[in-house]
PDB file of N, CA and C in Angstrom:
ATOM      1  N   MET A   1       8.396 -43.143  58.013  1.00  0.00           N
ATOM      2  CA  MET A   1       7.380 -42.582  58.550  1.00  0.00           C
ATOM      3  C   MET A   1       7.248 -41.215  59.054  1.00  0.00           C
ATOM      4  N   PRO A   2       6.267 -41.145  58.429  1.00  0.00           N
ATOM      5  CA  PRO A   2       5.946 -38.649  59.389  1.00  0.00           C
ATOM      6  C   PRO A   2       5.688 -39.272  60.214  1.00  0.00           C
ATOM      7  N   LYS A   3       5.425 -37.883  60.897  1.00  0.00           N
ATOM      8  CA  LYS A   3       6.178 -37.276  62.021  1.00  0.00           C
ATOM      9  C   LYS A   3       4.152 -37.195  62.643  1.00  0.00           C
ATOM     10  N   LYS A   4       3.427 -37.713  63.773  1.00  0.00           N
ATOM     11  CA  LYS A   4       2.102 -37.560  63.995  1.00  0.00           C
ATOM     12  C   LYS A   4       1.830 -36.007  63.598  1.00  0.00           C
ATOM     13  N   GLY A   5       0.569 -35.938  63.103  1.00  0.00           N
ATOM     14  CA  GLY A   5      -0.084 -34.845  62.822  1.00  0.00           C
ATOM     15  C   GLY A   5       0.422 -34.399  61.421  1.00  0.00           C
ATOM     16  N   THR A   6       1.492 -35.360  60.334  1.00  0.00           N
ATOM     17  CA  THR A   6       1.925 -34.337  59.144  1.00  0.00           C
ATOM     18  C   THR A   6       1.214 -34.909  58.258  1.00  0.00           C
ATOM     19  N   THR A   7       1.091 -34.353  57.263  1.00  0.00           N
ATOM     20  CA  THR A   7       0.301 -35.185  55.930  1.00  0.00           C
ATOM     21  C   THR A   7       1.430 -35.721  55.020  1.00  0.00           C
ATOM     22  N   ILE A   8       1.517 -36.483  54.268  1.00  0.00           N
ATOM     23  CA  ILE A   8       2.002 -37.381  53.577  1.00  0.00           C
ATOM     24  C   ILE A   8       2.095 -36.321  52.124  1.00  0.00           C
ATOM     25  N   PHE A   9       3.416 -36.027  51.338  1.00  0.00           N
ATOM     26  CA  PHE A   9       3.232 -34.779  50.368  1.00  0.00           C
ATOM     27  C   PHE A   9       3.403 -35.597  49.190  1.00  0.00           C
ATOM     28  N   HIS A  10       2.578 -35.757  47.943  1.00  0.00           N
ATOM     29  CA  HIS A  10       2.517 -36.475  46.672  1.00  0.00           C
ATOM     30  C   HIS A  10       2.887 -35.105  45.219  1.00  0.00           C
ATOM     31  N   ALA A  11       3.896 -35.131  45.243  1.00  0.00           N
ATOM     32  CA  ALA A  11       4.444 -34.426  43.888  1.00  0.00           C
ATOM     33  C   ALA A  11       3.401 -34.781  42.458  1.00  0.00           C
ATOM     34  N   THR A  12       2.508 -33.671  42.067  1.00  0.00           N
ATOM     35  CA  THR A  12       2.205 -33.890  40.981  1.00  0.00           C
ATOM     36  C   THR A  12       2.477 -33.689  39.178  1.00  0.00           C
ATOM     37  N   ASP A  13       2.113 -33.597  38.765  1.00  0.00           N
ATOM     38  CA  ASP A  13       2.857 -33.381  37.320  1.00  0.00           C
ATOM     39  C   ASP A  13       2.939 -32.052  36.906  1.00  0.00           C
ATOM     40  N   ALA A  14       1.766 -31.075  37.448  1.00  0.00           N
ATOM     41  CA  ALA A  14       1.840 -30.054  36.915  1.00  0.00           C
ATOM     42  C   ALA A  14       3.093 -28.890  38.015  1.00  0.00           C
ATOM     43  N   GLN A  15       2.906 -29.700  39.453  1.00  0.00           N
ATOM     44  CA  GLN A  15       4.400 -28.868  40.633  1.00  0.00           C
ATOM     45  C   GLN A  15       6.111 -29.937  39.908  1.00  0.00           C
ATOM     46  N   ARG A  16       5.724 -30.633  39.139  1.00  0.00           N
ATOM     47  CA  ARG A  16       7.257 -30.478  38.593  1.00  0.00           C
ATOM     48  C   ARG A  16       7.385 -29.992  37.639  1.00  0.00           C
ATOM     49  N   GLU A  17       6.622 -29.586  36.712  1.00  0.00           N
ATOM     50  CA  GLU A  17       6.643 -28.585  35.180  1.00  0.00           C
ATOM     51  C   GLU A  17       6.720 -27.202  36.363  1.00  0.00           C
ATOM     52  N   LEU A  18       6.259 -26.818  37.300  1.00  0.00           N
ATOM     53  CA  LEU A  18       6.825 -25.611  38.048  1.00  0.00           C
ATOM     54  C   LEU A  18       8.073 -25.779  38.427  1.00  0.00           C
ATOM     55  N   VAL A  19       8.199 -26.509  39.295  1.00  0.00           N
ATOM     56  CA  VAL A  19       9.680 -26.371  40.324  1.00  0.00           C
ATOM     57  C   VAL A  19      10.623 -26.425  38.756  1.00  0.00           C
ATOM     58  N   GLU A  20      10.244 -27.296  37.663  1.00  0.00           N
ATOM     59  CA  GLU A  20      11.590 -26.826  36.764  1.00  0.00           C
ATOM     60  C   GLU A  20      11.394 -25.829  35.956  1.00  0.00           C
ATOM     61  N   GLN A  21      10.398 -25.055  35.894  1.00  0.00           N
ATOM     62  CA  GLN A  21      10.927 -23.985  35.152  1.00  0.00           C
ATOM     63  C   GLN A  21      10.842 -22.526  35.831  1.00  0.00           C
ATOM     64  N   MET A  22      10.738 -22.848  37.528  1.00  0.00           N
ATOM     65  CA  MET A  22      10.935 -21.653  38.420  1.00  0.00           C
ATOM     66  C   MET A  22      12.474 -21.488  38.837  1.00  0.00           C
ATOM     67  N   THR A  23      12.832 -22.829  39.202  1.00  0.00           N
ATOM     68  CA  THR A  23      14.283 -22.935  39.057  1.00  0.00           C
ATOM     69  C   THR A  23      15.075 -22.876  37.787  1.00  0.00           C
ATOM     70  N   GLY A  24      14.956 -23.654  36.579  1.00  0.00           N
ATOM     71  CA  GLY A  24      15.548 -22.930  35.444  1.00  0.00           C
ATOM     72  C   GLY A  24      15.289 -21.427  34.899  1.00  0.00           C
ATOM     73  N   MET A  25      14.238 -20.788  35.573  1.00  0.00           N
ATOM     74  CA  MET A  25      14.696 -19.511  35.111  1.00  0.00           C
ATOM     75  C   MET A  25      15.746 -18.415  36.452  1.00  0.00           C
ATOM     76  N   GLY A  26      15.701 -19.538  37.488  1.00  0.00           N
ATOM     77  CA  GLY A  26      16.660 -18.512  38.519  1.00  0.00           C
ATOM     78  C   GLY A  26      15.968 -18.480  39.898  1.00  0.00           C
ATOM     79  N   CYS A  27      15.035 -19.292  40.003  1.00  0.00           N
ATOM     80  CA  CYS A  27      14.038 -18.814  41.303  1.00  0.00           C
ATOM     81  C   CYS A  27      14.947 -19.883  42.363  1.00  0.00           C
ATOM     82  N   SER A  28      14.574 -18.967  43.863  1.00  0.00           N
ATOM     83  CA  SER A  28      15.849 -19.459  44.639  1.00  0.00           C
ATOM     84  C   SER A  28      14.360 -20.821  45.211  1.00  0.00           C
ATOM     85  N   LEU A  29      15.018 -21.610  46.354  1.00  0.00           N
ATOM     86  CA  LEU A  29      14.616 -22.756  47.000  1.00  0.00           C
ATOM     87  C   LEU A  29      13.240 -21.787  48.041  1.00  0.00           C
ATOM     88  N   ASP A  30      13.595 -21.228  48.386  1.00  0.00           N
ATOM     89  CA  ASP A  30      13.138 -19.943  49.436  1.00  0.00           C
ATOM     90  C   ASP A  30      11.479 -19.722  48.413  1.00  0.00           C
ATOM     91  N   GLN A  31      11.646 -19.618  46.910  1.00  0.00           N
ATOM     92  CA  GLN A  31      10.477 -18.857  45.808  1.00  0.00           C
ATOM     93  C   GLN A  31       9.927 -19.871  45.581  1.00  0.00           C
ATOM     94  N   VAL A  32      10.509 -21.087  45.223  1.00  0.00           N
ATOM     95  CA  VAL A  32       9.730 -21.889  44.627  1.00  0.00           C
ATOM     96  C   VAL A  32       8.865 -22.666  45.953  1.00  0.00           C
ATOM     97  N   GLY A  33      10.041 -22.630  47.111  1.00  0.00           N
ATOM     98  CA  GLY A  33       8.839 -23.559  48.212  1.00  0.00           C
ATOM     99  C   GLY A  33       7.639 -22.497  48.841  1.00  0.00           C
ATOM    100  N   GLY A  34       7.947 -21.058  48.612  1.00  0.00           N
ATOM    101  CA  GLY A  34       7.038 -20.222  49.122  1.00  0.00           C
ATOM    102  C   GLY A  34       5.912 -20.183  47.996  1.00  0.00           C
ATOM    103  N   VAL A  35       5.801 -20.849  46.256  1.00  0.00           N
ATOM    104  CA  VAL A  35       4.615 -20.938  45.487  1.00  0.00           C
ATOM    105  C   VAL A  35       4.087 -22.466  46.134  1.00  0.00           C
ATOM    106  N   LEU A  36       4.434 -22.962  45.923  1.00  0.00           N
ATOM    107  CA  LEU A  36       4.416 -24.967  46.077  1.00  0.00           C
ATOM    108  C   LEU A  36       4.066 -24.976  48.426  1.00  0.00           C
ATOM    109  N   LYS A  37       3.944 -24.066  48.918  1.00  0.00           N
ATOM    110  CA  LYS A  37       4.028 -23.976  50.292  1.00  0.00           C
ATOM    111  C   LYS A  37       4.406 -25.445  51.200  1.00  0.00           C
ATOM    112  N   VAL A  38       5.839 -25.552  50.624  1.00  0.00           N
ATOM    113  CA  VAL A  38       6.712 -26.654  51.260  1.00  0.00           C
ATOM    114  C   VAL A  38       7.766 -26.081  52.249  1.00  0.00           C
ATOM    115  N   SER A  39       8.647 -26.839  52.431  1.00  0.00           N
ATOM    116  CA  SER A  39       9.978 -27.161  52.839  1.00  0.00           C
ATOM    117  C   SER A  39      11.038 -27.042  51.661  1.00  0.00           C
ATOM    118  N   HIS A  40      12.210 -26.498  52.047  1.00  0.00           N
ATOM    119  CA  HIS A  40      13.209 -26.842  51.373  1.00  0.00           C
ATOM    120  C   HIS A  40      13.241 -28.800  51.683  1.00  0.00           C
ATOM    121  N   ASP A  41      13.368 -29.320  52.211  1.00  0.00           N
ATOM    122  CA  ASP A  41      13.633 -30.621  52.374  1.00  0.00           C
ATOM    123  C   ASP A  41      12.698 -31.341  51.608  1.00  0.00           C
ATOM    124  N   THR A  42      11.424 -30.812  51.654  1.00  0.00           N
ATOM    125  CA  THR A  42      10.207 -31.456  50.782  1.00  0.00           C
ATOM    126  C   THR A  42      10.608 -31.322  49.230  1.00  0.00           C
ATOM    127  N   ILE A  43      11.039 -29.413  48.380  1.00  0.00           N
ATOM    128  CA  ILE A  43      11.519 -29.394  47.248  1.00  0.00           C
ATOM    129  C   ILE A  43      12.326 -30.557  47.244  1.00  0.00           C
ATOM    130  N   GLN A  44      13.964 -30.438  47.881  1.00  0.00           N
ATOM    131  CA  GLN A  44      14.862 -31.419  47.562  1.00  0.00           C
ATOM    132  C   GLN A  44      14.728 -33.352  47.699  1.00  0.00           C
ATOM    133  N   ARG A  45      13.579 -33.611  48.368  1.00  0.00           N
ATOM    134  CA  ARG A  45      13.306 -34.630  48.518  1.00  0.00           C
ATOM    135  C   ARG A  45      13.029 -35.404  47.286  1.00  0.00           C
ATOM    136  N   HIS A  46      11.444 -34.531  46.829  1.00  0.00           N
ATOM    137  CA  HIS A  46      10.669 -34.681  46.379  1.00  0.00           C
ATOM    138  C   HIS A  46      10.869 -34.039  44.699  1.00  0.00           C
ATOM    139  N   PHE A  47      11.822 -33.580  44.726  1.00  0.00           N
ATOM    140  CA  PHE A  47      11.714 -32.694  42.825  1.00  0.00           C
ATOM    141  C   PHE A  47      13.877 -33.111  42.820  1.00  0.00           C
ATOM    142  N   LYS A  48      14.088 -33.781  42.725  1.00  0.00           N
ATOM    143  CA  LYS A  48      15.556 -34.068  42.679  1.00  0.00           C
ATOM    144  C   LYS A  48      15.648 -34.036  40.995  1.00  0.00           C
ATOM    145  N   HIS A  49      14.958 -34.448  40.339  1.00  0.00           N
ATOM    146  CA  HIS A  49      15.592 -34.396  39.032  1.00  0.00           C
ATOM    147  C   HIS A  49      14.606 -32.977  38.418  1.00  0.00           C
ATOM    148  N   GLU A  50      13.821 -32.095  38.933  1.00  0.00           N
ATOM    149  CA  GLU A  50      13.662 -31.198  38.333  1.00  0.00           C
ATOM    150  C   GLU A  50      14.939 -30.011  38.567  1.00  0.00           C
ATOM    151  N   LEU A  51      15.119 -30.185  40.054  1.00  0.00           N
ATOM    152  CA  LEU A  51      16.193 -29.328  40.305  1.00  0.00           C
ATOM    153  C   LEU A  51      17.549 -29.506  39.903  1.00  0.00           C
ATOM    154  N   ALA A  52      17.990 -31.173  39.391  1.00  0.00           N
ATOM    155  CA  ALA A  52      18.898 -31.095  38.768  1.00  0.00           C
ATOM    156  C   ALA A  52      19.046 -30.624  37.048  1.00  0.00           C
ATOM    157  N   THR A  53      18.417 -30.820  36.366  1.00  0.00           N
ATOM    158  CA  THR A  53      18.112 -30.745  35.118  1.00  0.00           C
ATOM    159  C   THR A  53      17.028 -29.422  34.955  1.00  0.00           C
ATOM    160  N   ALA A  54      17.273 -28.817  35.885  1.00  0.00           N
ATOM    161  CA  ALA A  54      16.636 -27.534  35.575  1.00  0.00           C
ATOM    162  C   ALA A  54      17.174 -26.562  34.716  1.00  0.00           C
ATOM    163  N   VAL A  55      18.043 -26.098  34.678  1.00  0.00           N
ATOM    164  CA  VAL A  55      19.272 -25.231  34.074  1.00  0.00           C
ATOM    165  C   VAL A  55      19.056 -25.663  32.703  1.00  0.00           C
ATOM    166  N   ALA A  56      19.593 -26.696  32.377  1.00  0.00           N
ATOM    167  CA  ALA A  56      20.045 -26.916  30.561  1.00  0.00           C
ATOM    168  C   ALA A  56      18.859 -26.871  30.071  1.00  0.00           C
ATOM    169  N   ARG A  57      17.787 -27.482  30.916  1.00  0.00           N
ATOM    170  CA  ARG A  57      16.664 -27.486  29.547  1.00  0.00           C
ATOM    171  C   ARG A  57      15.971 -26.273  29.477  1.00  0.00           C
ATOM    172  N   ALA A  58      16.091 -25.240  30.392  1.00  0.00           N
ATOM    173  CA  ALA A  58      16.072 -24.076  30.564  1.00  0.00           C
ATOM    174  C   ALA A  58      16.652 -23.000  29.128  1.00  0.00           C
ATOM    175  N   ASN A  59      18.649 -23.766  29.301  1.00  0.00           N
ATOM    176  CA  ASN A  59      19.021 -23.093  28.640  1.00  0.00           C
ATOM    177  C   ASN A  59      18.766 -24.059  27.266  1.00  0.00           C
ATOM    178  N   THR A  60      18.684 -25.272  26.932  1.00  0.00           N
ATOM    179  CA  THR A  60      18.525 -25.737  25.738  1.00  0.00           C
ATOM    180  C   THR A  60      17.082 -25.010  24.886  1.00  0.00           C
ATOM    181  N   LYS A  61      16.402 -24.572  25.458  1.00  0.00           N
ATOM    182  CA  LYS A  61      14.527 -23.754  25.339  1.00  0.00           C
ATOM    183  C   LYS A  61      15.164 -22.971  24.551  1.00  0.00           C
ATOM    184  N   VAL A  62      15.988 -22.021  25.683  1.00  0.00           N
ATOM    185  CA  VAL A  62      16.563 -20.786  24.547  1.00  0.00           C
ATOM    186  C   VAL A  62      17.570 -20.694  23.552  1.00  0.00           C
ATOM    187  N   ALA A  63      18.359 -21.581  23.508  1.00  0.00           N
ATOM    188  CA  ALA A  63      19.315 -21.694  22.297  1.00  0.00           C
ATOM    189  C   ALA A  63      18.485 -22.463  21.364  1.00  0.00           C
ATOM    190  N   GLY A  64      17.467 -23.190  21.532  1.00  0.00           N
ATOM    191  CA  GLY A  64      16.763 -23.129  20.243  1.00  0.00           C
ATOM    192  C   GLY A  64      15.852 -22.208  19.630  1.00  0.00           C
ATOM    193  N   ALA A  65      15.436 -21.464  20.166  1.00  0.00           N
ATOM    194  CA  ALA A  65      14.500 -20.495  20.320  1.00  0.00           C
ATOM    195  C   ALA A  65      15.279 -19.830  19.023  1.00  0.00           C
ATOM    196  N   LEU A  66      16.577 -19.295  19.814  1.00  0.00           N
ATOM    197  CA  LEU A  66      17.609 -18.447  19.178  1.00  0.00           C
ATOM    198  C   LEU A  66      17.901 -18.856  17.896  1.00  0.00           C
ATOM    199  N   PHE A  67      18.287 -20.342  18.136  1.00  0.00           N
ATOM    200  CA  PHE A  67      18.798 -20.934  16.785  1.00  0.00           C
ATOM    201  C   PHE A  67      18.138 -20.506  15.420  1.00  0.00           C
ATOM    202  N   GLN A  68      16.417 -20.624  16.044  1.00  0.00           N
ATOM    203  CA  GLN A  68      14.965 -20.887  15.053  1.00  0.00           C
ATOM    204  C   GLN A  68      15.033 -18.699  14.425  1.00  0.00           C
ATOM    205  N   ASN A  69      15.481 -18.723  15.604  1.00  0.00           N
ATOM    206  CA  ASN A  69      15.473 -16.979  14.905  1.00  0.00           C
ATOM    207  C   ASN A  69      16.744 -16.597  13.611  1.00  0.00           C
ATOM    208  N   ALA A  70      17.687 -17.032  14.760  1.00  0.00           N
ATOM    209  CA  ALA A  70      19.015 -16.845  13.110  1.00  0.00           C
ATOM    210  C   ALA A  70      18.206 -17.769  11.906  1.00  0.00           C
ATOM    211  N   MET A  71      18.249 -18.856  12.063  1.00  0.00           N
ATOM    212  CA  MET A  71      18.061 -19.923  10.907  1.00  0.00           C
ATOM    213  C   MET A  71      16.645 -18.762   9.871  1.00  0.00           C
ATOM    214  N   GLY A  72      15.194 -18.399  10.853  1.00  0.00           N
ATOM    215  CA  GLY A  72      14.628 -17.453  10.011  1.00  0.00           C
ATOM    216  C   GLY A  72      14.873 -16.130   9.353  1.00  0.00           C
ATOM    217  N   GLY A  73      16.169 -15.772   9.479  1.00  0.00           N
ATOM    218  CA  GLY A  73      16.607 -14.512   8.626  1.00  0.00           C
ATOM    219  C   GLY A  73      17.082 -13.534   9.778  1.00  0.00           C
ATOM    220  N   ASN A  74      16.670 -13.655  11.062  1.00  0.00           N
ATOM    221  CA  ASN A  74      16.981 -12.752  12.336  1.00  0.00           C
ATOM    222  C   ASN A  74      18.393 -12.146  12.506  1.00  0.00           C
ATOM    223  N   VAL A  75      18.722 -10.909  12.352  1.00  0.00           N
ATOM    224  CA  VAL A  75      20.298 -10.816  11.839  1.00  0.00           C
ATOM    225  C   VAL A  75      20.767 -10.512  13.275  1.00  0.00           C
ATOM    226  N   THR A  76      20.368  -9.873  13.852  1.00  0.00           N
ATOM    227  CA  THR A  76      21.034  -9.913  15.260  1.00  0.00           C
ATOM    228  C   THR A  76      21.051 -11.213  15.930  1.00  0.00           C
ATOM    229  N   ALA A  77      20.767 -12.034  16.013  1.00  0.00           N
ATOM    230  CA  ALA A  77      20.347 -13.622  16.288  1.00  0.00           C
ATOM    231  C   ALA A  77      21.293 -14.567  15.278  1.00  0.00           C
ATOM    232  N   GLN A  78      21.737 -13.923  14.110  1.00  0.00           N
ATOM    233  CA  GLN A  78      22.890 -14.976  13.587  1.00  0.00           C
ATOM    234  C   GLN A  78      24.014 -14.291  14.005  1.00  0.00           C
ATOM    235  N   ILE A  79      24.504 -12.877  14.273  1.00  0.00           N
ATOM    236  CA  ILE A  79      25.301 -12.198  14.894  1.00  0.00           C
ATOM    237  C   ILE A  79      25.990 -12.769  16.044  1.00  0.00           C
ATOM    238  N   PHE A  80      24.593 -12.773  16.962  1.00  0.00           N
ATOM    239  CA  PHE A  80      25.347 -13.044  18.362  1.00  0.00           C
ATOM    240  C   PHE A  80      25.410 -14.491  18.904  1.00  0.00           C
ATOM    241  N   TRP A  81      24.571 -15.939  17.433  1.00  0.00           N
ATOM    242  CA  TRP A  81      25.162 -17.020  17.438  1.00  0.00           C
ATOM    243  C   TRP A  81      26.559 -17.179  17.226  1.00  0.00           C
ATOM    244  N   LEU A  82      26.826 -16.299  16.194  1.00  0.00           N
ATOM    245  CA  LEU A  82      28.414 -16.299  15.226  1.00  0.00           C
ATOM    246  C   LEU A  82      29.174 -16.006  16.330  1.00  0.00           C
ATOM    247  N   LYS A  83      29.197 -15.027  16.840  1.00  0.00           N
ATOM    248  CA  LYS A  83      30.169 -14.373  18.192  1.00  0.00           C
ATOM    249  C   LYS A  83      30.588 -15.327  19.067  1.00  0.00           C
ATOM    250  N   THR A  84      29.378 -16.189  19.765  1.00  0.00           N
ATOM    251  CA  THR A  84      29.095 -16.750  21.031  1.00  0.00           C
ATOM    252  C   THR A  84      29.573 -18.415  20.580  1.00  0.00           C
ATOM    253  N   ARG A  85      28.911 -18.882  19.464  1.00  0.00           N
ATOM    254  CA  ARG A  85      29.833 -20.370  19.017  1.00  0.00           C
ATOM    255  C   ARG A  85      30.534 -20.435  18.254  1.00  0.00           C
ATOM    256  N   ALA A  86      30.641 -19.701  17.435  1.00  0.00           N
ATOM    257  CA  ALA A  86      31.727 -19.895  16.262  1.00  0.00           C
ATOM    258  C   ALA A  86      32.824 -18.715  16.619  1.00  0.00           C
ATOM    259  N   ARG A  87      33.082 -17.988  17.792  1.00  0.00           N
ATOM    260  CA  ARG A  87      33.879 -17.184  18.000  1.00  0.00           C
ATOM    261  C   ARG A  87      34.487 -16.127  16.787  1.00  0.00           C
ATOM    262  N   TRP A  88      33.237 -15.677  16.684  1.00  0.00           N
ATOM    263  CA  TRP A  88      33.461 -14.726  15.401  1.00  0.00           C
ATOM    264  C   TRP A  88      33.992 -13.242  16.455  1.00  0.00           C
ATOM    265  N   ARG A  89      34.440 -12.142  15.623  1.00  0.00           N
ATOM    266  CA  ARG A  89      35.047 -11.412  16.231  1.00  0.00           C
ATOM    267  C   ARG A  89      34.755 -10.446  15.540  1.00  0.00           C
ATOM    268  N   GLU A  90      34.793  -9.065  15.894  1.00  0.00           N
ATOM    269  CA  GLU A  90      34.449  -7.965  15.429  1.00  0.00           C
ATOM    270  C   GLU A  90      36.220  -7.115  15.449  1.00  0.00           C
ATOM    271  N   VAL A  91      37.098  -7.085  14.390  1.00  0.00           N
ATOM    272  CA  VAL A  91      38.104  -6.634  14.802  1.00  0.00           C
ATOM    273  C   VAL A  91      38.251  -5.071  14.172  1.00  0.00           C
ATOM    274  N   ASN A  92      38.901  -3.980  14.981  1.00  0.00           N
ATOM    275  CA  ASN A  92      38.902  -2.763  14.618  1.00  0.00           C
ATOM    276  C   ASN A  92      40.575  -2.507  14.198  1.00  0.00           C
ATOM    277  N   GLU A  93      40.744  -2.261  12.881  1.00  0.00           N
ATOM    278  CA  GLU A  93      42.170  -2.094  12.805  1.00  0.00           C
ATOM    279  C   GLU A  93      42.021  -0.444  12.245  1.00  0.00           C
ATOM    280  N   ILE A  94      42.840  -0.266  13.212  1.00  0.00           N
ATOM    281  CA  ILE A  94      43.689   1.298  12.933  1.00  0.00           C
ATOM    282  C   ILE A  94      45.059   1.617  11.974  1.00  0.00           C
ATOM    283  N   GLU A  95      45.295   1.903  11.258  1.00  0.00           N
ATOM    284  CA  GLU A  95      46.394   2.026  10.240  1.00  0.00           C
ATOM    285  C   GLU A  95      46.985   3.194  10.511  1.00  0.00           C
ATOM    286  N   VAL A  96      48.191   3.708  11.307  1.00  0.00           N
ATOM    287  CA  VAL A  96      48.714   5.164  11.449  1.00  0.00           C
ATOM    288  C   VAL A  96      50.074   5.004  10.456  1.00  0.00           C
ATOM    289  N   THR A  97      49.563   6.311   9.842  1.00  0.00           N
ATOM    290  CA  THR A  97      51.030   5.967   9.417  1.00  0.00           C
ATOM    291  C   THR A  97      51.365   8.268   9.634  1.00  0.00           C
ATOM    292  N   ALA A  98      53.111   8.365   9.566  1.00  0.00           N
ATOM    293  CA  ALA A  98      53.462   8.951   9.969  1.00  0.00           C
ATOM    294  C   ALA A  98      53.987   9.356   8.756  1.00  0.00           C
ATOM    295  N   THR A  99      54.567  11.055   9.052  1.00  0.00           N
ATOM    296  CA  THR A  99      55.106  11.806   8.421  1.00  0.00           C
ATOM    297  C   THR A  99      56.634  12.057   9.122  1.00  0.00           C
ATOM    298  N   GLN A 100      57.204  12.505   8.320  1.00  0.00           N
ATOM    299  CA  GLN A 100      58.521  13.267   9.367  1.00  0.00           C
ATOM    300  C   GLN A 100      58.404  14.523   9.432  1.00  0.00           C
ATOM    301  N   ILE A 101      58.327  15.055  10.564  1.00  0.00           N
ATOM    302  CA  ILE A 101      57.683  15.975  11.491  1.00  0.00           C
ATOM    303  C   ILE A 101      59.464  16.664  11.846  1.00  0.00           C
ATOM    304  N   ILE A 102      59.659  17.373  11.571  1.00  0.00           N
ATOM    305  CA  ILE A 102      60.778  18.461  12.218  1.00  0.00           C
ATOM    306  C   ILE A 102      60.162  19.670  13.282  1.00  0.00           C
ATOM    307  N   PRO A 103      60.407  18.757  14.640  1.00  0.00           N
ATOM    308  CA  PRO A 103      60.039  19.904  15.708  1.00  0.00           C
ATOM    309  C   PRO A 103      60.633  21.615  15.364  1.00  0.00           C
ATOM    310  N   SER A 104      59.763  22.442  15.634  1.00  0.00           N
ATOM    311  CA  SER A 104      60.122  23.832  15.851  1.00  0.00           C
ATOM    312  C   SER A 104      60.233  24.313  17.552  1.00  0.00           C
ATOM    313  N   ILE A 105      61.727  24.765  17.720  1.00  0.00           N
ATOM    314  CA  ILE A 105      61.495  25.066  19.374  1.00  0.00           C
ATOM    315  C   ILE A 105      61.859  26.583  19.070  1.00  0.00           C
ATOM    316  N   THR A 106      60.569  27.153  20.302  1.00  0.00           N
ATOM    317  CA  THR A 106      61.546  28.986  20.169  1.00  0.00           C
ATOM    318  C   THR A 106      61.416  29.124  21.150  1.00  0.00           C
ATOM    319  N   ILE A 107      62.794  30.217  21.543  1.00  0.00           N
ATOM    320  CA  ILE A 107      63.241  30.200  22.821  1.00  0.00           C
ATOM    321  C   ILE A 107      63.206  31.561  22.685  1.00  0.00           C
ATOM    322  N   SER A 108      62.677  32.198  23.859  1.00  0.00           N
ATOM    323  CA  SER A 108      62.672  33.745  24.404  1.00  0.00           C
ATOM    324  C   SER A 108      63.394  33.869  25.525  1.00  0.00           C
ATOM    325  N   VAL A 109      64.068  34.956  25.329  1.00  0.00           N
ATOM    326  CA  VAL A 109      65.164  34.805  26.483  1.00  0.00           C
ATOM    327  C   VAL A 109      65.019  36.420  26.802  1.00  0.00           C
ATOM    328  N   ASN A 110      64.657  36.852  28.052  1.00  0.00           N
ATOM    329  CA  ASN A 110      64.179  38.224  28.857  1.00  0.00           C
ATOM    330  C   ASN A 110      65.311  38.913  29.368  1.00  0.00           C
ATOM    331  N   LYS A 111      65.879  39.814  28.935  1.00  0.00           N
ATOM    332  CA  LYS A 111      67.318  40.565  29.503  1.00  0.00           C
ATOM    333  C   LYS A 111      66.508  41.498  30.511  1.00  0.00           C
ATOM    334  N   PRO A 112      67.864  41.791  31.172  1.00  0.00           N
ATOM    335  CA  PRO A 112      66.483  42.904  32.237  1.00  0.00           C
ATOM    336  C   PRO A 112      67.341  44.104  31.561  1.00  0.00           C
TER     337      PRO A 112
END
C-alpha cells in the first residue's frame, strides 16, 4: 500500500519505450528519472524488463542497420563487418633483404 499522500505510478507504453531507448543509448538512471520525473526505485520497480533488455535491443538495431548498409554496397560497413565479425585483419608485411656490408673504420692518431 502506498504511503499516505503519494500517487500510484502506472507506466505507459510511451514511457516504456522511452526508458528502453534512453537506457539502450547509455543514459543513467538519474537521467531517465529526470526525464520521467520519478525516482530510481520507481524506475527499477516498473521498468525491469526494459532495463534488462535495452542494451541488447539497441545493439541489435545498430547491427541490423550496419548489416543492411554492408549488403547495400557500403564498402566501409563491409570492411568493418568483416574485421569485427569474420575476424579479417590487414597484415602489413615488410620484406628486408640485406647485402653483405663491409664496415669501414678510419682511425686517426694525433701525434704531439
